[in-house]
PDB file of N, CA and C in Angstrom:
ATOM      1  N   MET A   1      94.608 162.943 -52.167  1.00  0.00           N
ATOM      2  CA  MET A   1      94.880 164.350 -51.893  1.00  0.00           C
ATOM      3  C   MET A   1      95.107 164.572 -50.401  1.00  0.00           C
ATOM      4  N   ASP A   2      95.747 163.662 -49.762  1.00  0.00           N
ATOM      5  CA  ASP A   2      96.035 163.831 -48.346  1.00  0.00           C
ATOM      6  C   ASP A   2      96.944 165.029 -48.122  1.00  0.00           C
ATOM      7  N   GLY A   3      96.478 165.941 -47.306  1.00  0.00           N
ATOM      8  CA  GLY A   3      97.293 167.106 -46.969  1.00  0.00           C
ATOM      9  C   GLY A   3      97.339 168.182 -48.032  1.00  0.00           C
ATOM     10  N   GLU A   4      96.664 168.004 -49.151  1.00  0.00           N
ATOM     11  CA  GLU A   4      96.660 169.008 -50.201  1.00  0.00           C
ATOM     12  C   GLU A   4      95.352 169.789 -50.161  1.00  0.00           C
ATOM     13  N   TRP A   5      95.450 171.046 -50.533  1.00  0.00           N
ATOM     14  CA  TRP A   5      94.278 171.907 -50.561  1.00  0.00           C
ATOM     15  C   TRP A   5      94.176 172.536 -51.944  1.00  0.00           C
ATOM     16  N   ILE A   6      92.968 172.665 -52.402  1.00  0.00           N
ATOM     17  CA  ILE A   6      92.717 173.391 -53.645  1.00  0.00           C
ATOM     18  C   ILE A   6      91.862 174.593 -53.271  1.00  0.00           C
ATOM     19  N   LEU A   7      92.357 175.755 -53.583  1.00  0.00           N
ATOM     20  CA  LEU A   7      91.637 176.984 -53.287  1.00  0.00           C
ATOM     21  C   LEU A   7      90.986 177.476 -54.573  1.00  0.00           C
ATOM     22  N   LYS A   8      89.685 177.624 -54.523  1.00  0.00           N
ATOM     23  CA  LYS A   8      88.961 178.131 -55.680  1.00  0.00           C
ATOM     24  C   LYS A   8      88.404 179.497 -55.325  1.00  0.00           C
ATOM     25  N   VAL A   9      88.712 180.456 -56.135  1.00  0.00           N
ATOM     26  CA  VAL A   9      88.250 181.817 -55.902  1.00  0.00           C
ATOM     27  C   VAL A   9      87.996 182.470 -57.257  1.00  0.00           C
ATOM     28  N   THR A  10      87.061 183.368 -57.280  1.00  0.00           N
ATOM     29  CA  THR A  10      86.748 184.059 -58.536  1.00  0.00           C
ATOM     30  C   THR A  10      87.395 185.437 -58.524  1.00  0.00           C
ATOM     31  N   PRO A  11      87.621 186.004 -59.699  1.00  0.00           N
ATOM     32  CA  PRO A  11      88.156 187.368 -59.733  1.00  0.00           C
ATOM     33  C   PRO A  11      87.194 188.366 -59.086  1.00  0.00           C
ATOM     34  N   GLU A  12      85.917 188.081 -59.187  1.00  0.00           N
ATOM     35  CA  GLU A  12      84.936 188.965 -58.565  1.00  0.00           C
ATOM     36  C   GLU A  12      85.094 188.965 -57.042  1.00  0.00           C
ATOM     37  N   ARG A  13      85.339 187.779 -56.473  1.00  0.00           N
ATOM     38  CA  ARG A  13      85.513 187.694 -55.015  1.00  0.00           C
ATOM     39  C   ARG A  13      86.805 188.384 -54.583  1.00  0.00           C
ATOM     40  N   LEU A  14      87.854 188.259 -55.380  1.00  0.00           N
ATOM     41  CA  LEU A  14      89.104 188.952 -55.071  1.00  0.00           C
ATOM     42  C   LEU A  14      88.899 190.469 -55.089  1.00  0.00           C
ATOM     43  N   THR A  15      88.195 190.938 -56.098  1.00  0.00           N
ATOM     44  CA  THR A  15      87.920 192.372 -56.205  1.00  0.00           C
ATOM     45  C   THR A  15      87.044 192.838 -55.047  1.00  0.00           C
ATOM     46  N   GLU A  16      86.061 192.029 -54.691  1.00  0.00           N
ATOM     47  CA  GLU A  16      85.181 192.358 -53.568  1.00  0.00           C
ATOM     48  C   GLU A  16      85.973 192.429 -52.255  1.00  0.00           C
ATOM     49  N   ALA A  17      86.847 191.457 -52.046  1.00  0.00           N
ATOM     50  CA  ALA A  17      87.669 191.443 -50.824  1.00  0.00           C
ATOM     51  C   ALA A  17      88.585 192.667 -50.781  1.00  0.00           C
ATOM     52  N   ALA A  18      89.168 193.017 -51.917  1.00  0.00           N
ATOM     53  CA  ALA A  18      90.030 194.198 -51.973  1.00  0.00           C
ATOM     54  C   ALA A  18      89.240 195.450 -51.620  1.00  0.00           C
ATOM     55  N   GLY A  19      88.017 195.542 -52.128  1.00  0.00           N
ATOM     56  CA  GLY A  19      87.169 196.695 -51.813  1.00  0.00           C
ATOM     57  C   GLY A  19      86.827 196.773 -50.334  1.00  0.00           C
ATOM     58  N   GLU A  20      86.552 195.606 -49.739  1.00  0.00           N
ATOM     59  CA  GLU A  20      86.258 195.570 -48.308  1.00  0.00           C
ATOM     60  C   GLU A  20      87.457 196.057 -47.500  1.00  0.00           C
ATOM     61  N   TRP A  21      88.629 195.579 -47.877  1.00  0.00           N
ATOM     62  CA  TRP A  21      89.849 195.982 -47.163  1.00  0.00           C
ATOM     63  C   TRP A  21      90.149 197.464 -47.362  1.00  0.00           C
ATOM     64  N   GLN A  22      89.882 197.975 -48.563  1.00  0.00           N
ATOM     65  CA  GLN A  22      90.101 199.404 -48.794  1.00  0.00           C
ATOM     66  C   GLN A  22      89.244 200.235 -47.853  1.00  0.00           C
ATOM     67  N   GLY A  23      88.006 199.813 -47.657  1.00  0.00           N
ATOM     68  CA  GLY A  23      87.123 200.517 -46.729  1.00  0.00           C
ATOM     69  C   GLY A  23      87.662 200.476 -45.307  1.00  0.00           C
ATOM     70  N   GLU A  24      88.127 199.309 -44.889  1.00  0.00           N
ATOM     71  CA  GLU A  24      88.693 199.171 -43.542  1.00  0.00           C
ATOM     72  C   GLU A  24      89.936 200.036 -43.368  1.00  0.00           C
ATOM     73  N   VAL A  25      90.775 200.074 -44.379  1.00  0.00           N
ATOM     74  CA  VAL A  25      91.998 200.878 -44.308  1.00  0.00           C
ATOM     75  C   VAL A  25      91.656 202.358 -44.179  1.00  0.00           C
ATOM     76  N   ARG A  26      90.652 202.804 -44.910  1.00  0.00           N
ATOM     77  CA  ARG A  26      90.233 204.211 -44.800  1.00  0.00           C
ATOM     78  C   ARG A  26      89.789 204.541 -43.377  1.00  0.00           C
ATOM     79  N   VAL A  27      89.043 203.627 -42.770  1.00  0.00           N
ATOM     80  CA  VAL A  27      88.585 203.833 -41.387  1.00  0.00           C
ATOM     81  C   VAL A  27      89.783 203.903 -40.444  1.00  0.00           C
ATOM     82  N   ILE A  28      90.710 202.986 -40.605  1.00  0.00           N
ATOM     83  CA  ILE A  28      91.899 202.957 -39.748  1.00  0.00           C
ATOM     84  C   ILE A  28      92.698 204.246 -39.901  1.00  0.00           C
ATOM     85  N   GLU A  29      92.899 204.684 -41.136  1.00  0.00           N
ATOM     86  CA  GLU A  29      93.650 205.923 -41.361  1.00  0.00           C
ATOM     87  C   GLU A  29      92.935 207.121 -40.738  1.00  0.00           C
ATOM     88  N   TYR A  30      91.624 207.157 -40.841  1.00  0.00           N
ATOM     89  CA  TYR A  30      90.846 208.236 -40.240  1.00  0.00           C
ATOM     90  C   TYR A  30      91.030 208.238 -38.722  1.00  0.00           C
ATOM     91  N   ARG A  31      90.982 207.058 -38.134  1.00  0.00           N
ATOM     92  CA  ARG A  31      91.153 206.959 -36.681  1.00  0.00           C
ATOM     93  C   ARG A  31      92.560 207.379 -36.258  1.00  0.00           C
ATOM     94  N   PHE A  32      93.562 206.993 -37.024  1.00  0.00           N
ATOM     95  CA  PHE A  32      94.931 207.433 -36.719  1.00  0.00           C
ATOM     96  C   PHE A  32      95.027 208.958 -36.760  1.00  0.00           C
ATOM     97  N   GLU A  33      94.364 209.545 -37.740  1.00  0.00           N
ATOM     98  CA  GLU A  33      94.387 211.011 -37.861  1.00  0.00           C
ATOM     99  C   GLU A  33      93.696 211.651 -36.667  1.00  0.00           C
ATOM    100  N   GLN A  34      92.596 211.065 -36.215  1.00  0.00           N
ATOM    101  CA  GLN A  34      91.917 211.578 -35.021  1.00  0.00           C
ATOM    102  C   GLN A  34      92.831 211.513 -33.797  1.00  0.00           C
ATOM    103  N   ILE A  35      93.510 210.393 -33.637  1.00  0.00           N
ATOM    104  CA  ILE A  35      94.440 210.249 -32.506  1.00  0.00           C
ATOM    105  C   ILE A  35      95.557 211.274 -32.605  1.00  0.00           C
ATOM    106  N   ARG A  36      96.100 211.428 -33.801  1.00  0.00           N
ATOM    107  CA  ARG A  36      97.185 212.398 -34.014  1.00  0.00           C
ATOM    108  C   ARG A  36      96.713 213.803 -33.639  1.00  0.00           C
ATOM    109  N   ASP A  37      95.492 214.155 -34.011  1.00  0.00           N
ATOM    110  CA  ASP A  37      94.955 215.480 -33.680  1.00  0.00           C
ATOM    111  C   ASP A  37      94.831 215.669 -32.171  1.00  0.00           C
ATOM    112  N   VAL A  38      94.322 214.657 -31.478  1.00  0.00           N
ATOM    113  CA  VAL A  38      94.173 214.743 -30.024  1.00  0.00           C
ATOM    114  C   VAL A  38      95.541 214.898 -29.372  1.00  0.00           C
ATOM    115  N   VAL A  39      96.493 214.099 -29.797  1.00  0.00           N
ATOM    116  CA  VAL A  39      97.846 214.170 -29.230  1.00  0.00           C
ATOM    117  C   VAL A  39      98.457 215.537 -29.487  1.00  0.00           C
ATOM    118  N   THR A  40      98.303 216.046 -30.682  1.00  0.00           N
ATOM    119  CA  THR A  40      98.872 217.356 -31.024  1.00  0.00           C
ATOM    120  C   THR A  40      98.225 218.465 -30.187  1.00  0.00           C
ATOM    121  N   ARG A  41      96.929 218.356 -29.948  1.00  0.00           N
ATOM    122  CA  ARG A  41      96.231 219.376 -29.152  1.00  0.00           C
ATOM    123  C   ARG A  41      96.728 219.430 -27.705  1.00  0.00           C
ATOM    124  N   THR A  42      97.316 218.337 -27.217  1.00  0.00           N
ATOM    125  CA  THR A  42      97.819 218.344 -25.840  1.00  0.00           C
ATOM    126  C   THR A  42      98.960 219.347 -25.665  1.00  0.00           C
ATOM    127  N   MET A  43      99.546 219.784 -26.778  1.00  0.00           N
ATOM    128  CA  MET A  43     100.628 220.782 -26.692  1.00  0.00           C
ATOM    129  C   MET A  43     100.118 222.083 -26.083  1.00  0.00           C
ATOM    130  N   GLY A  44      98.813 222.341 -26.233  1.00  0.00           N
ATOM    131  CA  GLY A  44      98.234 223.568 -25.729  1.00  0.00           C
ATOM    132  C   GLY A  44      98.050 223.594 -24.221  1.00  0.00           C
ATOM    133  N   TYR A  45      98.037 222.435 -23.588  1.00  0.00           N
ATOM    134  CA  TYR A  45      97.791 222.439 -22.143  1.00  0.00           C
ATOM    135  C   TYR A  45      98.709 221.517 -21.347  1.00  0.00           C
ATOM    136  N   TRP A  46      99.393 220.600 -22.006  1.00  0.00           N
ATOM    137  CA  TRP A  46     100.264 219.689 -21.263  1.00  0.00           C
ATOM    138  C   TRP A  46     101.710 220.008 -21.596  1.00  0.00           C
ATOM    139  N   ASN A  47     102.324 220.792 -20.742  1.00  0.00           N
ATOM    140  CA  ASN A  47     103.695 221.232 -20.963  1.00  0.00           C
ATOM    141  C   ASN A  47     104.656 220.396 -20.119  1.00  0.00           C
ATOM    142  N   GLY A  48     105.894 220.468 -20.487  1.00  0.00           N
ATOM    143  CA  GLY A  48     106.927 219.787 -19.703  1.00  0.00           C
ATOM    144  C   GLY A  48     107.321 218.450 -20.284  1.00  0.00           C
ATOM    145  N   ASP A  49     108.192 217.787 -19.541  1.00  0.00           N
ATOM    146  CA  ASP A  49     108.762 216.524 -19.998  1.00  0.00           C
ATOM    147  C   ASP A  49     107.709 215.423 -20.150  1.00  0.00           C
ATOM    148  N   GLY A  50     106.745 215.382 -19.232  1.00  0.00           N
ATOM    149  CA  GLY A  50     105.701 214.355 -19.304  1.00  0.00           C
ATOM    150  C   GLY A  50     104.905 214.460 -20.591  1.00  0.00           C
ATOM    151  N   GLY A  51     104.489 215.671 -20.935  1.00  0.00           N
ATOM    152  CA  GLY A  51     103.730 215.886 -22.159  1.00  0.00           C
ATOM    153  C   GLY A  51     104.549 215.560 -23.398  1.00  0.00           C
ATOM    154  N   GLU A  52     105.791 215.987 -23.401  1.00  0.00           N
ATOM    155  CA  GLU A  52     106.665 215.721 -24.549  1.00  0.00           C
ATOM    156  C   GLU A  52     106.894 214.219 -24.721  1.00  0.00           C
ATOM    157  N   HIS A  53     107.131 213.548 -23.602  1.00  0.00           N
ATOM    158  CA  HIS A  53     107.360 212.100 -23.650  1.00  0.00           C
ATOM    159  C   HIS A  53     106.118 211.381 -24.194  1.00  0.00           C
ATOM    160  N   TYR A  54     104.937 211.757 -23.703  1.00  0.00           N
ATOM    161  CA  TYR A  54     103.684 211.161 -24.138  1.00  0.00           C
ATOM    162  C   TYR A  54     103.474 211.381 -25.638  1.00  0.00           C
ATOM    163  N   ARG A  55     103.630 212.618 -26.077  1.00  0.00           N
ATOM    164  CA  ARG A  55     103.426 212.932 -27.497  1.00  0.00           C
ATOM    165  C   ARG A  55     104.402 212.162 -28.377  1.00  0.00           C
ATOM    166  N   LYS A  56     105.643 212.116 -27.946  1.00  0.00           N
ATOM    167  CA  LYS A  56     106.666 211.416 -28.731  1.00  0.00           C
ATOM    168  C   LYS A  56     106.314 209.929 -28.872  1.00  0.00           C
ATOM    169  N   LYS A  57     105.927 209.294 -27.768  1.00  0.00           N
ATOM    170  CA  LYS A  57     105.575 207.868 -27.800  1.00  0.00           C
ATOM    171  C   LYS A  57     104.326 207.613 -28.643  1.00  0.00           C
ATOM    172  N   MET A  58     103.319 208.444 -28.465  1.00  0.00           N
ATOM    173  CA  MET A  58     102.078 208.248 -29.217  1.00  0.00           C
ATOM    174  C   MET A  58     102.295 208.446 -30.721  1.00  0.00           C
ATOM    175  N   LEU A  59     102.994 209.492 -31.076  1.00  0.00           N
ATOM    176  CA  LEU A  59     103.229 209.754 -32.497  1.00  0.00           C
ATOM    177  C   LEU A  59     104.119 208.674 -33.111  1.00  0.00           C
ATOM    178  N   ALA A  60     105.070 208.158 -32.340  1.00  0.00           N
ATOM    179  CA  ALA A  60     105.905 207.058 -32.835  1.00  0.00           C
ATOM    180  C   ALA A  60     105.049 205.812 -33.056  1.00  0.00           C
ATOM    181  N   GLY A  61     104.116 205.560 -32.162  1.00  0.00           N
ATOM    182  CA  GLY A  61     103.218 204.412 -32.316  1.00  0.00           C
ATOM    183  C   GLY A  61     102.338 204.533 -33.544  1.00  0.00           C
ATOM    184  N   ILE A  62     101.850 205.732 -33.785  1.00  0.00           N
ATOM    185  CA  ILE A  62     101.019 205.967 -34.969  1.00  0.00           C
ATOM    186  C   ILE A  62     101.849 205.764 -36.233  1.00  0.00           C
ATOM    187  N   THR A  63     103.084 206.250 -36.220  1.00  0.00           N
ATOM    188  CA  THR A  63     103.966 206.084 -37.374  1.00  0.00           C
ATOM    189  C   THR A  63     104.233 204.606 -37.633  1.00  0.00           C
ATOM    190  N   GLU A  64     104.466 203.864 -36.576  1.00  0.00           N
ATOM    191  CA  GLU A  64     104.719 202.424 -36.705  1.00  0.00           C
ATOM    192  C   GLU A  64     103.481 201.706 -37.240  1.00  0.00           C
ATOM    193  N   ALA A  65     102.337 202.036 -36.700  1.00  0.00           N
ATOM    194  CA  ALA A  65     101.095 201.410 -37.153  1.00  0.00           C
ATOM    195  C   ALA A  65     100.790 201.795 -38.597  1.00  0.00           C
ATOM    196  N   SER A  66     101.116 203.004 -38.977  1.00  0.00           N
ATOM    197  CA  SER A  66     100.885 203.451 -40.352  1.00  0.00           C
ATOM    198  C   SER A  66     101.722 202.643 -41.337  1.00  0.00           C
ATOM    199  N   ALA A  67     102.893 202.202 -40.894  1.00  0.00           N
ATOM    200  CA  ALA A  67     103.723 201.355 -41.752  1.00  0.00           C
ATOM    201  C   ALA A  67     102.999 200.038 -42.049  1.00  0.00           C
ATOM    202  N   SER A  68     102.264 199.534 -41.093  1.00  0.00           N
ATOM    203  CA  SER A  68     101.474 198.313 -41.305  1.00  0.00           C
ATOM    204  C   SER A  68     100.367 198.564 -42.324  1.00  0.00           C
ATOM    205  N   VAL A  69      99.792 199.737 -42.274  1.00  0.00           N
ATOM    206  CA  VAL A  69      98.732 200.090 -43.227  1.00  0.00           C
ATOM    207  C   VAL A  69      99.294 200.108 -44.649  1.00  0.00           C
ATOM    208  N   VAL A  70     100.518 200.572 -44.801  1.00  0.00           N
ATOM    209  CA  VAL A  70     101.167 200.573 -46.123  1.00  0.00           C
ATOM    210  C   VAL A  70     101.269 199.137 -46.648  1.00  0.00           C
ATOM    211  N   ILE A  71     101.612 198.206 -45.767  1.00  0.00           N
ATOM    212  CA  ILE A  71     101.723 196.803 -46.162  1.00  0.00           C
ATOM    213  C   ILE A  71     100.353 196.265 -46.581  1.00  0.00           C
ATOM    214  N   VAL A  72      99.321 196.610 -45.839  1.00  0.00           N
ATOM    215  CA  VAL A  72      97.968 196.159 -46.185  1.00  0.00           C
ATOM    216  C   VAL A  72      97.558 196.747 -47.532  1.00  0.00           C
ATOM    217  N   ARG A  73      97.876 198.013 -47.765  1.00  0.00           N
ATOM    218  CA  ARG A  73      97.554 198.633 -49.067  1.00  0.00           C
ATOM    219  C   ARG A  73      98.237 197.886 -50.213  1.00  0.00           C
ATOM    220  N   GLN A  74      99.476 197.458 -49.988  1.00  0.00           N
ATOM    221  CA  GLN A  74     100.183 196.688 -51.013  1.00  0.00           C
ATOM    222  C   GLN A  74      99.477 195.354 -51.265  1.00  0.00           C
ATOM    223  N   GLN A  75      98.998 194.727 -50.207  1.00  0.00           N
ATOM    224  CA  GLN A  75      98.271 193.468 -50.366  1.00  0.00           C
ATOM    225  C   GLN A  75      96.974 193.670 -51.156  1.00  0.00           C
ATOM    226  N   ILE A  76      96.332 194.807 -50.948  1.00  0.00           N
ATOM    227  CA  ILE A  76      95.120 195.127 -51.712  1.00  0.00           C
ATOM    228  C   ILE A  76      95.462 195.247 -53.190  1.00  0.00           C
ATOM    229  N   ARG A  77      96.552 195.956 -53.492  1.00  0.00           N
ATOM    230  CA  ARG A  77      96.973 196.081 -54.900  1.00  0.00           C
ATOM    231  C   ARG A  77      97.293 194.706 -55.493  1.00  0.00           C
ATOM    232  N   THR A  78      97.894 193.839 -54.682  1.00  0.00           N
ATOM    233  CA  THR A  78      98.216 192.491 -55.149  1.00  0.00           C
ATOM    234  C   THR A  78      96.948 191.702 -55.451  1.00  0.00           C
ATOM    235  N   LEU A  79      95.953 191.791 -54.576  1.00  0.00           N
ATOM    236  CA  LEU A  79      94.674 191.118 -54.830  1.00  0.00           C
ATOM    237  C   LEU A  79      94.051 191.580 -56.143  1.00  0.00           C
ATOM    238  N   LEU A  80      94.079 192.885 -56.363  1.00  0.00           N
ATOM    239  CA  LEU A  80      93.500 193.427 -57.598  1.00  0.00           C
ATOM    240  C   LEU A  80      94.296 192.982 -58.822  1.00  0.00           C
ATOM    241  N   ALA A  81      95.605 192.899 -58.694  1.00  0.00           N
ATOM    242  CA  ALA A  81      96.440 192.429 -59.803  1.00  0.00           C
ATOM    243  C   ALA A  81      96.146 190.964 -60.107  1.00  0.00           C
ATOM    244  N   ILE A  82      96.027 190.148 -59.068  1.00  0.00           N
ATOM    245  CA  ILE A  82      95.705 188.729 -59.254  1.00  0.00           C
ATOM    246  C   ILE A  82      94.349 188.588 -59.946  1.00  0.00           C
ATOM    247  N   ALA A  83      93.378 189.375 -59.495  1.00  0.00           N
ATOM    248  CA  ALA A  83      92.049 189.325 -60.111  1.00  0.00           C
ATOM    249  C   ALA A  83      92.126 189.693 -61.588  1.00  0.00           C
ATOM    250  N   GLY A  84      92.920 190.702 -61.913  1.00  0.00           N
ATOM    251  CA  GLY A  84      93.081 191.125 -63.307  1.00  0.00           C
ATOM    252  C   GLY A  84      93.719 190.043 -64.159  1.00  0.00           C
ATOM    253  N   ILE A  85      94.755 189.401 -63.616  1.00  0.00           N
ATOM    254  CA  ILE A  85      95.428 188.319 -64.348  1.00  0.00           C
ATOM    255  C   ILE A  85      94.467 187.154 -64.555  1.00  0.00           C
ATOM    256  N   TYR A  86      93.752 186.814 -63.517  1.00  0.00           N
ATOM    257  CA  TYR A  86      92.780 185.724 -63.571  1.00  0.00           C
ATOM    258  C   TYR A  86      91.735 186.013 -64.650  1.00  0.00           C
ATOM    259  N   GLN A  87      91.184 187.223 -64.612  1.00  0.00           N
ATOM    260  CA  GLN A  87      90.135 187.598 -65.570  1.00  0.00           C
ATOM    261  C   GLN A  87      90.676 187.568 -67.005  1.00  0.00           C
ATOM    262  N   LYS A  88      91.874 188.096 -67.207  1.00  0.00           N
ATOM    263  CA  LYS A  88      92.471 188.123 -68.540  1.00  0.00           C
ATOM    264  C   LYS A  88      92.703 186.703 -69.046  1.00  0.00           C
ATOM    265  N   SER A  89      93.215 185.843 -68.184  1.00  0.00           N
ATOM    266  CA  SER A  89      93.466 184.455 -68.572  1.00  0.00           C
ATOM    267  C   SER A  89      92.167 183.737 -68.924  1.00  0.00           C
ATOM    268  N   GLU A  90      91.147 183.951 -68.125  1.00  0.00           N
ATOM    269  CA  GLU A  90      89.854 183.329 -68.399  1.00  0.00           C
ATOM    270  C   GLU A  90      89.299 183.794 -69.749  1.00  0.00           C
ATOM    271  N   THR A  91      89.410 185.081 -70.013  1.00  0.00           N
ATOM    272  CA  THR A  91      88.912 185.628 -71.280  1.00  0.00           C
ATOM    273  C   THR A  91      89.679 185.028 -72.457  1.00  0.00           C
ATOM    274  N   GLU A  92      91.020 184.985 -72.326  1.00  0.00           N
ATOM    275  CA  GLU A  92      91.834 184.417 -73.406  1.00  0.00           C
ATOM    276  C   GLU A  92      91.516 182.945 -73.628  1.00  0.00           C
ATOM    277  N   ASN A  93      91.365 182.192 -72.540  1.00  0.00           N
ATOM    278  CA  ASN A  93      91.053 180.769 -72.672  1.00  0.00           C
ATOM    279  C   ASN A  93      89.689 180.548 -73.304  1.00  0.00           C
ATOM    280  N   THR A  94      88.732 181.365 -72.931  1.00  0.00           N
ATOM    281  CA  THR A  94      87.389 181.255 -73.515  1.00  0.00           C
ATOM    282  C   THR A  94      87.440 181.551 -75.006  1.00  0.00           C
ATOM    283  N   GLU A  95      88.187 182.580 -75.397  1.00  0.00           N
ATOM    284  CA  GLU A  95      88.307 182.924 -76.813  1.00  0.00           C
ATOM    285  C   GLU A  95      88.998 181.808 -77.595  1.00  0.00           C
ATOM    286  N   LYS A  96      90.052 181.247 -77.021  1.00  0.00           N
ATOM    287  CA  LYS A  96      90.765 180.158 -77.700  1.00  0.00           C
ATOM    288  C   LYS A  96      89.885 178.917 -77.824  1.00  0.00           C
ATOM    289  N   ALA A  97      89.158 178.595 -76.769  1.00  0.00           N
ATOM    290  CA  ALA A  97      88.276 177.425 -76.800  1.00  0.00           C
ATOM    291  C   ALA A  97      87.161 177.632 -77.818  1.00  0.00           C
ATOM    292  N   GLY A  98      86.696 178.861 -77.933  1.00  0.00           N
ATOM    293  CA  GLY A  98      85.630 179.148 -78.892  1.00  0.00           C
ATOM    294  C   GLY A  98      86.077 179.056 -80.324  1.00  0.00           C
ATOM    295  N   SER A  99      87.376 179.193 -80.566  1.00  0.00           N
ATOM    296  CA  SER A  99      87.871 179.149 -81.933  1.00  0.00           C
ATOM    297  C   SER A  99      88.197 177.732 -82.390  1.00  0.00           C
ATOM    298  N   LEU A 100      88.139 176.744 -81.494  1.00  0.00           N
ATOM    299  CA  LEU A 100      88.395 175.374 -81.881  1.00  0.00           C
ATOM    300  C   LEU A 100      87.230 174.814 -82.683  1.00  0.00           C
ATOM    301  N   GLU A 101      87.556 173.944 -83.597  1.00  0.00           N
ATOM    302  CA  GLU A 101      86.505 173.310 -84.377  1.00  0.00           C
ATOM    303  C   GLU A 101      85.679 172.410 -83.475  1.00  0.00           C
ATOM    304  N   GLY A 102      84.421 172.346 -83.740  1.00  0.00           N
ATOM    305  CA  GLY A 102      83.528 171.535 -82.923  1.00  0.00           C
ATOM    306  C   GLY A 102      83.833 170.063 -82.951  1.00  0.00           C
ATOM    307  N   THR A 103      84.488 169.594 -84.014  1.00  0.00           N
ATOM    308  CA  THR A 103      84.778 168.154 -84.140  1.00  0.00           C
ATOM    309  C   THR A 103      86.014 167.756 -83.336  1.00  0.00           C
ATOM    310  N   ILE A 104      86.768 168.704 -82.844  1.00  0.00           N
ATOM    311  CA  ILE A 104      87.988 168.365 -82.113  1.00  0.00           C
ATOM    312  C   ILE A 104      87.643 167.808 -80.735  1.00  0.00           C
ATOM    313  N   LEU A 105      86.670 168.405 -80.090  1.00  0.00           N
ATOM    314  CA  LEU A 105      86.275 167.950 -78.761  1.00  0.00           C
ATOM    315  C   LEU A 105      85.097 166.994 -78.870  1.00  0.00           C
ATOM    316  N   LYS A 106      85.228 165.840 -78.266  1.00  0.00           N
ATOM    317  CA  LYS A 106      84.116 164.868 -78.323  1.00  0.00           C
ATOM    318  C   LYS A 106      83.704 164.498 -76.939  1.00  0.00           C
TER     319      LYS A 106
END
């Protein structure tokens, strides 16, 4: 097995990892919203080209970063789908193995 890797993971661990990431994503989204609020509030006291330029750049950065969060959310859905497929396959295999006659396996 030179250079080969076998990855063993359980559906429970996949689901757990997805849950952990969901929590992190919620925190990140909350922080982005806080930043957006602070930037928006600058409209009340920072007028002119400097303020507009700052707000435009900051909001563009938040929008760009939010696109990354969408990708992470998709990865979370993928983890959960993999866990579901894994669990379903395990259940089906267990049921099929249980239906075999005892004399078949020695």
